[in-house]
Amino acid sequence: MARLPDSIKRRKAAILIYTTWNLWKERNRRVFDGKSATPQRVLAFIKKEMSLRATACDAVEPPIVS
């Protein structure tokens, strides 16, 4: 990863952070609320949060999430 441009490193880090955060939130939903979301729904949560962040930070490049 050392040879990757900083913008790509930041995107990969953001994807990792938002994925980890949303998996943790899903775990808490299951443990404490007795509710669960499908993997597709959790992925949608991740995409939405990344999109909101890009909008809030007025990102020039949108995050790479398919």
Protein backbone atom coordinates (compact mmCIF):
# COMPACT_ATOMS: atom_id res chain seq x y z
CA MET A 1 0.00 0.00 0.00
CA ALA A 2 3.00 2.28 0.35
CA ARG A 3 3.05 2.99 -3.39
CA LEU A 4 -0.61 3.96 -3.64
CA PRO A 5 -1.53 7.63 -3.97
CA ASP A 6 -2.74 9.29 -0.78
CA SER A 7 -6.26 9.73 -2.16
CA ILE A 8 -6.60 5.97 -2.70
CA LYS A 9 -5.18 5.26 0.76
CA ARG A 10 -7.74 7.63 2.30
CA ARG A 11 -10.60 6.00 0.39
CA LYS A 12 -9.53 2.52 1.49
CA ALA A 13 -9.21 3.71 5.08
CA ALA A 14 -12.68 5.30 4.93
CA ILE A 15 -14.22 2.11 3.56
CA LEU A 16 -12.56 0.08 6.33
CA ILE A 17 -13.67 2.52 9.04
CA TYR A 18 -17.29 2.76 7.86
CA THR A 19 -17.52 -0.99 7.35
CA THR A 20 -16.15 -1.74 10.81
CA TRP A 21 -18.40 0.89 12.43
CA ASN A 22 -21.55 -0.42 10.75
CA LEU A 23 -20.73 -4.04 11.55
CA TRP A 24 -20.31 -3.00 15.19
CA LYS A 25 -23.64 -1.15 15.12
CA GLU A 26 -25.32 -4.21 13.59
CA ARG A 27 -23.81 -6.41 16.27
CA ASN A 28 -25.22 -4.08 18.93
CA ARG A 29 -28.66 -4.07 17.26
CA ARG A 30 -28.70 -7.86 17.42
CA VAL A 31 -27.40 -8.15 20.98
CA PHE A 32 -29.22 -5.28 22.67
CA ASP A 33 -32.33 -4.68 20.54
CA GLY A 34 -33.02 -8.22 19.35
CA LYS A 35 -33.25 -6.90 15.77
CA SER A 36 -31.18 -7.73 12.75
CA ALA A 37 -30.62 -6.40 9.27
CA THR A 38 -29.71 -8.38 6.18
CA PRO A 39 -26.15 -8.11 4.87
CA GLN A 40 -27.54 -6.13 1.93
CA ARG A 41 -29.15 -3.65 4.34
CA VAL A 42 -25.91 -3.25 6.31
CA LEU A 43 -24.12 -2.57 3.02
CA ALA A 44 -26.75 0.05 2.22
CA PHE A 45 -26.10 1.68 5.63
CA ILE A 46 -22.37 1.80 4.84
CA LYS A 47 -22.95 3.34 1.41
CA LYS A 48 -25.36 5.91 2.83
CA GLU A 49 -22.97 7.01 5.59
CA MET A 50 -20.08 7.30 3.15
CA SER A 51 -22.25 9.33 0.80
CA LEU A 52 -23.35 11.62 3.64
CA ARG A 53 -19.73 12.12 4.66
CA ALA A 54 -18.72 12.97 1.11
CA THR A 55 -21.56 15.48 0.89
CA ALA A 56 -20.82 16.99 4.31
CA CYS A 57 -17.13 17.33 3.54
CA ASP A 58 -17.87 18.62 0.04
CA ALA A 59 -15.71 15.89 -1.41
CA VAL A 60 -14.43 16.41 -4.91
CA GLU A 61 -14.14 12.68 -5.50
CA PRO A 62 -17.04 10.48 -4.38
CA PRO A 63 -16.09 7.36 -2.43
CA ILE A 64 -15.57 4.16 -4.39
CA VAL A 65 -18.43 1.92 -3.29
CA SER A 66 -20.32 -0.25 -5.74
